[in-house]
Amino acid sequence: MSDKSTNLVSEENKPARRKFFIGAGATVGAVAVASQTSIGKAVIQEIGSTVKGKDDGYQLTAHIRKYYETTML
């Protein structure tokens, strides 16, 4: 492939990348604004209460104990 054809391929991809990053930036901005509304805060609180488990932090379970036993030298 010559430099000229490589350059054309590279320039053809630029608009698609720009559109992607512009769209991603707009989406992030919209989510940030939506999270500050009363509905957004309620959704975040609901997700937080659902996701939070029994205890935060490290828990030694049977699976982890078995892993440690198999990795001992």
Protein backbone atom coordinates (compact mmCIF):
# COMPACT_ATOMS: atom_id res chain seq x y z
CA MET A 1 0.00 0.00 0.00
CA SER A 2 1.43 3.39 -0.91
CA ASP A 3 1.60 6.41 1.35
CA LYS A 4 -1.09 8.14 -0.69
CA SER A 5 -3.64 5.32 -0.26
CA THR A 6 -2.80 5.01 3.45
CA ASN A 7 -3.36 8.72 3.87
CA LEU A 8 -6.77 8.52 2.15
CA VAL A 9 -7.91 5.69 4.40
CA SER A 10 -6.78 7.62 7.46
CA GLU A 11 -8.64 10.76 6.42
CA GLU A 12 -11.82 8.79 5.65
CA ASN A 13 -11.97 7.55 9.26
CA LYS A 14 -11.61 10.99 10.86
CA PRO A 15 -15.25 12.11 10.45
CA ALA A 16 -16.56 8.85 11.92
CA ARG A 17 -14.27 9.18 14.94
CA ARG A 18 -15.22 12.80 15.44
CA LYS A 19 -18.92 11.96 15.31
CA PHE A 20 -18.39 9.18 17.84
CA PHE A 21 -16.57 11.42 20.32
CA ILE A 22 -19.06 14.26 19.86
CA GLY A 23 -21.92 11.79 20.49
CA ALA A 24 -20.17 10.31 23.51
CA GLY A 25 -19.53 13.77 24.95
CA ALA A 26 -23.15 14.77 24.45
CA THR A 27 -24.35 11.57 26.11
CA VAL A 28 -22.11 12.05 29.13
CA GLY A 29 -23.29 15.63 29.46
CA ALA A 30 -26.94 14.60 29.26
CA VAL A 31 -26.44 11.91 31.90
CA ALA A 32 -24.68 14.39 34.18
CA VAL A 33 -27.55 16.86 33.89
CA ALA A 34 -30.19 14.15 34.31
CA SER A 35 -28.51 12.81 37.44
CA GLN A 36 -28.99 16.17 39.16
CA THR A 37 -32.78 16.24 38.67
CA SER A 38 -35.10 14.89 41.35
CA ILE A 39 -35.96 11.83 39.23
CA GLY A 40 -32.27 11.19 38.53
CA LYS A 41 -31.41 11.40 42.23
CA ALA A 42 -34.23 8.96 43.05
CA VAL A 43 -32.96 6.50 40.45
CA ILE A 44 -29.40 6.76 41.75
CA GLN A 45 -30.59 6.19 45.32
CA GLU A 46 -32.66 3.16 44.24
CA ILE A 47 -29.72 1.65 42.37
CA GLY A 48 -27.42 2.32 45.32
CA SER A 49 -29.72 0.56 47.77
CA THR A 50 -30.12 -2.40 45.42
CA VAL A 51 -26.44 -2.82 44.63
CA LYS A 52 -25.19 -2.48 48.19
CA GLY A 53 -24.53 -5.92 49.59
CA LYS A 54 -24.32 -7.33 53.10
CA ASP A 55 -20.95 -5.93 54.01
CA ASP A 56 -18.59 -3.75 52.07
CA GLY A 57 -15.05 -4.97 51.82
CA TYR A 58 -13.19 -8.23 51.70
CA GLN A 59 -14.91 -11.46 52.65
CA LEU A 60 -13.14 -14.79 52.93
CA THR A 61 -15.52 -17.24 51.27
CA ALA A 62 -15.11 -20.94 50.63
CA HIS A 63 -14.25 -20.24 47.00
CA ILE A 64 -11.48 -17.80 47.95
CA ARG A 65 -10.18 -20.14 50.65
CA LYS A 66 -9.95 -22.96 48.08
CA TYR A 67 -8.07 -20.64 45.71
CA TYR A 68 -5.53 -19.77 48.41
CA GLU A 69 -5.03 -23.45 49.21
CA THR A 70 -4.31 -24.26 45.56
CA THR A 71 -1.79 -21.43 45.17
CA MET A 72 0.35 -22.30 48.20
CA LEU A 73 3.88 -23.34 47.29
